[in-house]
Every structure is written in C-alpha cells, then in structure tokens.
Amino acid sequence: MSAEELAALKAKGIKSVASPGDDPEAKVVKHSPVIALEGKKATVTLPHPQAEDHVIQNIWIEDAAGTVLASRTLAWTDATTSEFEVPEGTASVIAYAFCNLHGVYASPETTI
C-alpha cells in the first residue's frame, strides 16, 4: 500500500493498549503490534491468528513525524511477523497493523 493509503486507514481511527476505545482488553492486545529492535532491524509481531475472513492485512512502521519507513501487505496465510530495516538517523518508530474487521492498531513509540 502507498503512504497515502496507509494514512487513509489511520484517519478512520487508531486504537492501542493505551487508548483502546471501547474494545475489550483481550481484543486490543491481540491486535496491537509489538516492536523488538536489534541494531537497525525492527521486528514487528502480533499474536493475531489469521483466517480467510479475519486477517491482519497490513503492517508498517513510521518515524515520529509520521513518515512511512516500510510496509508489508499480508495474506491470510501469512504469519503476523514482519522485519523491517530502520533507516540511519531514525530516532524512534511506531508500528501499525490493519485488521480487516477491527481497523488500525498502534504500538507505543519505541526509541532506537
């Protein structure tokens, strides 16, 4: 997806562990991405099971300014783990995931 398409998904609303809206905690935890950093590699994971009718379709990372650094489109048969290279000079990243049924969820901002 393009940066514009990802921004349009975010414009519909973003949920997170810190700001779950009216989602139950279990749903938010299952949909919220988690970032693990190793050097300049960011590994984004979600404990969300994939099914044909309920799928994480996109995972992406942005810097603090909202610039999309990397993204991946997933099929229902794909694992909900993605590895991204973080560009040199990036101070922090936020991961996002889009679920076809429940919308966009964000990780906390992670300092590099």
N, C-alpha and C. Protein backbone atom coordinates (compact mmCIF):
# COMPACT_ATOMS: atom_id res chain seq x y z
N MET A 1 0.85 -1.18 0.00
CA MET A 1 0.00 0.00 0.00
C MET A 1 0.89 1.24 0.00
N SER A 2 0.36 2.29 -0.57
CA SER A 2 1.09 3.55 -0.58
C SER A 2 0.97 4.26 0.76
N ALA A 3 1.84 5.22 0.99
CA ALA A 3 1.78 6.02 2.22
C ALA A 3 0.43 6.71 2.34
N GLU A 4 -0.13 7.15 1.23
CA GLU A 4 -1.43 7.82 1.25
C GLU A 4 -2.54 6.86 1.65
N GLU A 5 -2.50 5.63 1.16
CA GLU A 5 -3.50 4.63 1.53
C GLU A 5 -3.39 4.26 3.00
N LEU A 6 -2.17 4.15 3.51
CA LEU A 6 -1.99 3.84 4.92
C LEU A 6 -2.48 5.01 5.79
N ALA A 7 -2.23 6.24 5.36
CA ALA A 7 -2.71 7.42 6.10
C ALA A 7 -4.24 7.43 6.12
N ALA A 8 -4.87 7.04 5.02
CA ALA A 8 -6.34 6.99 4.97
C ALA A 8 -6.89 5.96 5.97
N LEU A 9 -6.21 4.83 6.12
CA LEU A 9 -6.62 3.84 7.11
C LEU A 9 -6.52 4.43 8.52
N LYS A 10 -5.40 5.11 8.81
CA LYS A 10 -5.21 5.72 10.12
C LYS A 10 -6.26 6.80 10.40
N ALA A 11 -6.68 7.52 9.37
CA ALA A 11 -7.64 8.61 9.55
C ALA A 11 -8.99 8.11 10.06
N LYS A 12 -9.27 6.84 9.88
CA LYS A 12 -10.53 6.26 10.36
C LYS A 12 -10.50 5.98 11.86
N GLY A 13 -9.31 6.14 12.48
CA GLY A 13 -9.16 5.92 13.92
C GLY A 13 -8.08 4.90 14.21
N ILE A 14 -7.37 5.14 15.31
CA ILE A 14 -6.29 4.26 15.73
C ILE A 14 -6.55 3.83 17.17
N LYS A 15 -6.42 2.54 17.41
CA LYS A 15 -6.56 2.01 18.77
C LYS A 15 -5.19 1.50 19.24
N SER A 16 -5.02 1.44 20.54
CA SER A 16 -3.78 0.93 21.12
C SER A 16 -4.08 0.44 22.53
N VAL A 17 -3.09 -0.18 23.14
CA VAL A 17 -3.24 -0.62 24.52
C VAL A 17 -3.52 0.59 25.41
N ALA A 18 -2.84 1.70 25.14
CA ALA A 18 -3.04 2.92 25.95
C ALA A 18 -4.35 3.64 25.63
N SER A 19 -4.88 3.43 24.45
CA SER A 19 -6.10 4.12 24.02
C SER A 19 -7.00 3.14 23.26
N PRO A 20 -7.67 2.22 23.99
CA PRO A 20 -8.39 1.12 23.34
C PRO A 20 -9.77 1.46 22.78
N GLY A 21 -10.24 2.67 23.01
CA GLY A 21 -11.61 2.96 22.61
C GLY A 21 -12.53 2.08 23.43
N ASP A 22 -13.55 1.50 22.81
CA ASP A 22 -14.46 0.63 23.56
C ASP A 22 -14.18 -0.86 23.31
N ASP A 23 -12.99 -1.16 22.78
CA ASP A 23 -12.59 -2.56 22.58
C ASP A 23 -12.24 -3.21 23.92
N PRO A 24 -12.61 -4.47 24.13
CA PRO A 24 -12.16 -5.18 25.33
C PRO A 24 -10.64 -5.37 25.28
N GLU A 25 -10.02 -5.47 26.45
CA GLU A 25 -8.56 -5.57 26.54
C GLU A 25 -8.00 -6.72 25.71
N ALA A 26 -8.65 -7.88 25.74
CA ALA A 26 -8.14 -9.04 25.00
C ALA A 26 -8.07 -8.76 23.50
N LYS A 27 -9.04 -8.03 22.97
CA LYS A 27 -9.04 -7.71 21.54
C LYS A 27 -7.90 -6.75 21.22
N VAL A 28 -7.70 -5.75 22.07
CA VAL A 28 -6.65 -4.77 21.83
C VAL A 28 -5.28 -5.43 21.88
N VAL A 29 -5.05 -6.27 22.86
CA VAL A 29 -3.75 -6.94 22.98
C VAL A 29 -3.48 -7.82 21.75
N LYS A 30 -4.48 -8.53 21.27
CA LYS A 30 -4.32 -9.42 20.12
C LYS A 30 -4.01 -8.65 18.83
N HIS A 31 -4.52 -7.41 18.73
CA HIS A 31 -4.37 -6.62 17.52
C HIS A 31 -3.22 -5.61 17.55
N SER A 32 -2.68 -5.32 18.72
CA SER A 32 -1.65 -4.28 18.85
C SER A 32 -0.26 -4.82 18.52
N PRO A 33 0.43 -4.17 17.59
CA PRO A 33 1.77 -4.64 17.24
C PRO A 33 2.78 -4.38 18.35
N VAL A 34 3.79 -5.24 18.40
CA VAL A 34 4.88 -5.12 19.36
C VAL A 34 6.18 -5.04 18.56
N ILE A 35 7.04 -4.09 18.94
CA ILE A 35 8.31 -3.90 18.23
C ILE A 35 9.46 -4.44 19.07
N ALA A 36 10.33 -5.22 18.43
CA ALA A 36 11.60 -5.64 19.03
C ALA A 36 12.71 -5.10 18.13
N LEU A 37 13.66 -4.40 18.71
CA LEU A 37 14.76 -3.83 17.95
C LEU A 37 16.05 -4.60 18.17
N GLU A 38 16.77 -4.81 17.08
CA GLU A 38 18.11 -5.40 17.14
C GLU A 38 18.95 -4.63 16.14
N GLY A 39 19.77 -3.73 16.64
CA GLY A 39 20.52 -2.85 15.74
C GLY A 39 19.55 -1.98 14.97
N LYS A 40 19.64 -2.02 13.66
CA LYS A 40 18.73 -1.23 12.81
C LYS A 40 17.60 -2.07 12.22
N LYS A 41 17.36 -3.25 12.81
CA LYS A 41 16.28 -4.12 12.35
C LYS A 41 15.14 -4.06 13.37
N ALA A 42 13.95 -3.75 12.88
CA ALA A 42 12.75 -3.76 13.72
C ALA A 42 11.92 -4.98 13.35
N THR A 43 11.63 -5.82 14.33
CA THR A 43 10.75 -6.97 14.12
C THR A 43 9.41 -6.63 14.77
N VAL A 44 8.36 -6.66 13.97
CA VAL A 44 7.02 -6.33 14.45
C VAL A 44 6.22 -7.63 14.50
N THR A 45 5.62 -7.91 15.67
CA THR A 45 4.82 -9.12 15.83
C THR A 45 3.45 -8.78 16.41
N LEU A 46 2.49 -9.64 16.12
CA LEU A 46 1.14 -9.55 16.67
C LEU A 46 0.70 -10.97 17.01
N PRO A 47 0.01 -11.17 18.13
CA PRO A 47 -0.49 -12.50 18.47
C PRO A 47 -1.86 -12.76 17.83
N HIS A 48 -2.09 -12.24 16.66
CA HIS A 48 -3.39 -12.31 15.98
C HIS A 48 -3.43 -13.53 15.06
N PRO A 49 -4.37 -14.45 15.26
CA PRO A 49 -4.50 -15.57 14.33
C PRO A 49 -5.07 -15.08 13.00
N GLN A 50 -4.62 -15.67 11.92
CA GLN A 50 -5.10 -15.30 10.59
C GLN A 50 -6.17 -16.30 10.13
N ALA A 51 -7.21 -15.78 9.51
CA ALA A 51 -8.26 -16.60 8.91
C ALA A 51 -8.70 -15.91 7.62
N GLU A 52 -9.31 -16.66 6.72
CA GLU A 52 -9.71 -16.07 5.45
C GLU A 52 -10.59 -14.84 5.62
N ASP A 53 -11.46 -14.86 6.62
CA ASP A 53 -12.41 -13.76 6.81
C ASP A 53 -12.01 -12.78 7.92
N HIS A 54 -10.87 -12.99 8.56
CA HIS A 54 -10.41 -12.13 9.66
C HIS A 54 -8.89 -12.12 9.61
N VAL A 55 -8.33 -11.03 9.05
CA VAL A 55 -6.91 -11.04 8.71
C VAL A 55 -6.25 -9.69 9.00
N ILE A 56 -5.02 -9.75 9.48
CA ILE A 56 -4.17 -8.56 9.51
C ILE A 56 -3.68 -8.40 8.07
N GLN A 57 -4.11 -7.32 7.42
CA GLN A 57 -3.79 -7.12 6.01
C GLN A 57 -2.52 -6.31 5.79
N ASN A 58 -2.19 -5.43 6.74
CA ASN A 58 -1.02 -4.58 6.57
C ASN A 58 -0.32 -4.37 7.91
N ILE A 59 1.01 -4.38 7.85
CA ILE A 59 1.86 -4.00 8.98
C ILE A 59 2.83 -2.97 8.42
N TRP A 60 3.04 -1.86 9.17
CA TRP A 60 4.01 -0.87 8.73
C TRP A 60 4.61 -0.14 9.91
N ILE A 61 5.75 0.52 9.65
CA ILE A 61 6.39 1.34 10.67
C ILE A 61 6.52 2.76 10.14
N GLU A 62 6.42 3.71 11.09
CA GLU A 62 6.60 5.12 10.78
C GLU A 62 7.57 5.72 11.78
N ASP A 63 8.20 6.83 11.38
CA ASP A 63 9.01 7.56 12.35
C ASP A 63 8.10 8.50 13.13
N ALA A 64 8.68 9.27 14.07
CA ALA A 64 7.88 10.14 14.94
C ALA A 64 7.15 11.23 14.16
N ALA A 65 7.64 11.58 12.97
CA ALA A 65 6.99 12.60 12.15
C ALA A 65 5.84 12.04 11.32
N GLY A 66 5.65 10.72 11.37
CA GLY A 66 4.56 10.10 10.60
C GLY A 66 4.96 9.66 9.20
N THR A 67 6.25 9.66 8.91
CA THR A 67 6.74 9.20 7.61
C THR A 67 6.78 7.67 7.60
N VAL A 68 6.15 7.07 6.60
CA VAL A 68 6.17 5.61 6.48
C VAL A 68 7.58 5.18 6.08
N LEU A 69 8.19 4.36 6.91
CA LEU A 69 9.55 3.88 6.66
C LEU A 69 9.56 2.57 5.90
N ALA A 70 8.59 1.72 6.15
CA ALA A 70 8.49 0.41 5.50
C ALA A 70 7.11 -0.15 5.75
N SER A 71 6.64 -0.99 4.82
CA SER A 71 5.33 -1.61 5.00
C SER A 71 5.30 -2.98 4.34
N ARG A 72 4.34 -3.77 4.75
CA ARG A 72 4.15 -5.11 4.20
C ARG A 72 2.66 -5.41 4.14
N THR A 73 2.21 -5.93 3.03
CA THR A 73 0.84 -6.40 2.86
C THR A 73 0.84 -7.91 3.08
N LEU A 74 -0.13 -8.39 3.88
CA LEU A 74 -0.18 -9.80 4.21
C LEU A 74 -1.43 -10.45 3.64
N ALA A 75 -1.32 -11.72 3.35
CA ALA A 75 -2.46 -12.56 3.01
C ALA A 75 -2.86 -13.32 4.27
N TRP A 76 -4.02 -13.92 4.26
CA TRP A 76 -4.47 -14.62 5.46
C TRP A 76 -3.58 -15.82 5.80
N THR A 77 -2.81 -16.29 4.82
CA THR A 77 -1.91 -17.42 5.04
C THR A 77 -0.54 -17.00 5.59
N ASP A 78 -0.29 -15.69 5.68
CA ASP A 78 1.00 -15.18 6.17
C ASP A 78 1.03 -15.08 7.69
N ALA A 79 2.20 -15.25 8.26
CA ALA A 79 2.40 -15.02 9.69
C ALA A 79 2.34 -13.53 9.97
N THR A 80 1.93 -13.18 11.19
CA THR A 80 1.80 -11.76 11.55
C THR A 80 3.08 -11.25 12.21
N THR A 81 4.20 -11.57 11.58
CA THR A 81 5.51 -11.07 11.99
C THR A 81 6.19 -10.51 10.76
N SER A 82 6.77 -9.32 10.90
CA SER A 82 7.47 -8.69 9.78
C SER A 82 8.75 -8.06 10.28
N GLU A 83 9.80 -8.14 9.45
CA GLU A 83 11.07 -7.50 9.77
C GLU A 83 11.29 -6.34 8.81
N PHE A 84 11.73 -5.21 9.38
CA PHE A 84 11.96 -4.00 8.59
C PHE A 84 13.32 -3.42 8.95
N GLU A 85 14.02 -2.88 7.97
CA GLU A 85 15.25 -2.14 8.23
C GLU A 85 14.86 -0.71 8.60
N VAL A 86 15.44 -0.20 9.67
CA VAL A 86 15.18 1.16 10.10
C VAL A 86 16.27 2.06 9.51
N PRO A 87 15.88 3.10 8.78
CA PRO A 87 16.89 3.97 8.16
C PRO A 87 17.80 4.65 9.18
N GLU A 88 19.03 4.83 8.80
CA GLU A 88 20.00 5.54 9.63
C GLU A 88 19.45 6.92 9.99
N GLY A 89 19.65 7.34 11.22
CA GLY A 89 19.20 8.66 11.66
C GLY A 89 17.80 8.68 12.23
N THR A 90 17.10 7.55 12.18
CA THR A 90 15.75 7.47 12.75
C THR A 90 15.87 7.38 14.27
N ALA A 91 15.16 8.27 14.97
CA ALA A 91 15.27 8.32 16.43
C ALA A 91 14.27 7.39 17.12
N SER A 92 13.10 7.19 16.50
CA SER A 92 12.08 6.33 17.09
C SER A 92 11.13 5.83 16.01
N VAL A 93 10.41 4.75 16.33
CA VAL A 93 9.45 4.18 15.39
C VAL A 93 8.16 3.81 16.11
N ILE A 94 7.09 3.80 15.34
CA ILE A 94 5.79 3.31 15.79
C ILE A 94 5.34 2.29 14.76
N ALA A 95 4.86 1.15 15.22
CA ALA A 95 4.34 0.12 14.32
C ALA A 95 2.82 0.21 14.28
N TYR A 96 2.27 -0.09 13.11
CA TYR A 96 0.82 -0.10 12.92
C TYR A 96 0.42 -1.42 12.27
N ALA A 97 -0.80 -1.85 12.56
CA ALA A 97 -1.36 -3.05 11.93
C ALA A 97 -2.81 -2.75 11.58
N PHE A 98 -3.22 -3.20 10.40
CA PHE A 98 -4.60 -3.03 9.97
C PHE A 98 -5.30 -4.38 9.89
N CYS A 99 -6.37 -4.53 10.67
CA CYS A 99 -7.21 -5.72 10.65
C CYS A 99 -8.44 -5.42 9.81
N ASN A 100 -8.79 -6.31 8.91
CA ASN A 100 -9.93 -6.06 8.02
C ASN A 100 -11.25 -5.91 8.76
N LEU A 101 -11.38 -6.46 9.96
CA LEU A 101 -12.62 -6.35 10.71
C LEU A 101 -12.60 -5.27 11.79
N HIS A 102 -11.43 -4.96 12.34
CA HIS A 102 -11.39 -4.10 13.52
C HIS A 102 -10.60 -2.81 13.36
N GLY A 103 -9.95 -2.60 12.22
CA GLY A 103 -9.29 -1.33 11.97
C GLY A 103 -7.81 -1.31 12.31
N VAL A 104 -7.30 -0.10 12.59
CA VAL A 104 -5.87 0.14 12.79
C VAL A 104 -5.53 0.16 14.28
N TYR A 105 -4.43 -0.52 14.61
CA TYR A 105 -3.90 -0.55 15.97
C TYR A 105 -2.43 -0.12 15.91
N ALA A 106 -1.96 0.56 16.96
CA ALA A 106 -0.61 1.08 17.01
C ALA A 106 0.14 0.56 18.23
N SER A 107 1.45 0.45 18.05
CA SER A 107 2.33 0.13 19.19
C SER A 107 2.67 1.44 19.89
N PRO A 108 3.25 1.34 21.08
CA PRO A 108 3.84 2.53 21.68
C PRO A 108 5.04 2.97 20.84
N GLU A 109 5.40 4.24 20.91
CA GLU A 109 6.59 4.72 20.24
C GLU A 109 7.82 4.07 20.88
N THR A 110 8.73 3.56 20.05
CA THR A 110 9.92 2.87 20.53
C THR A 110 11.15 3.66 20.12
N THR A 111 11.97 4.02 21.07
CA THR A 111 13.20 4.77 20.80
C THR A 111 14.27 3.82 20.29
N ILE A 112 14.98 4.28 19.26
CA ILE A 112 16.05 3.48 18.67
C ILE A 112 17.30 3.59 19.53
